[in-house]
């Protein structure tokens, strides 16, 4: 995930070790669209209240469902393109 990698590099380059600062900086890096999505994903909590790991895991589960250990099942092509007459 690009935002996570960028944030980790930023923290390392600037010597930031505080996890609360990590969370706050990460939330400003992701931008308004991703932040709004994160608000929806974490209801009833706010992203600023959740640990950074919870924020990252929620975004990963939403944008890349396969990276959370679950697999998606996609129907075979012949079933997807089939029309059904009723």
Foldseek 3Di string as FASTA:
>chain_A
DVLVVVLVVVCVVVVPDDQLVSQVVSLVSVDDVLLVVLCVQDPPDHSSVDGNVVSVVSSCCVPPVVVVVDDDDDDDPVVVPDDDDD
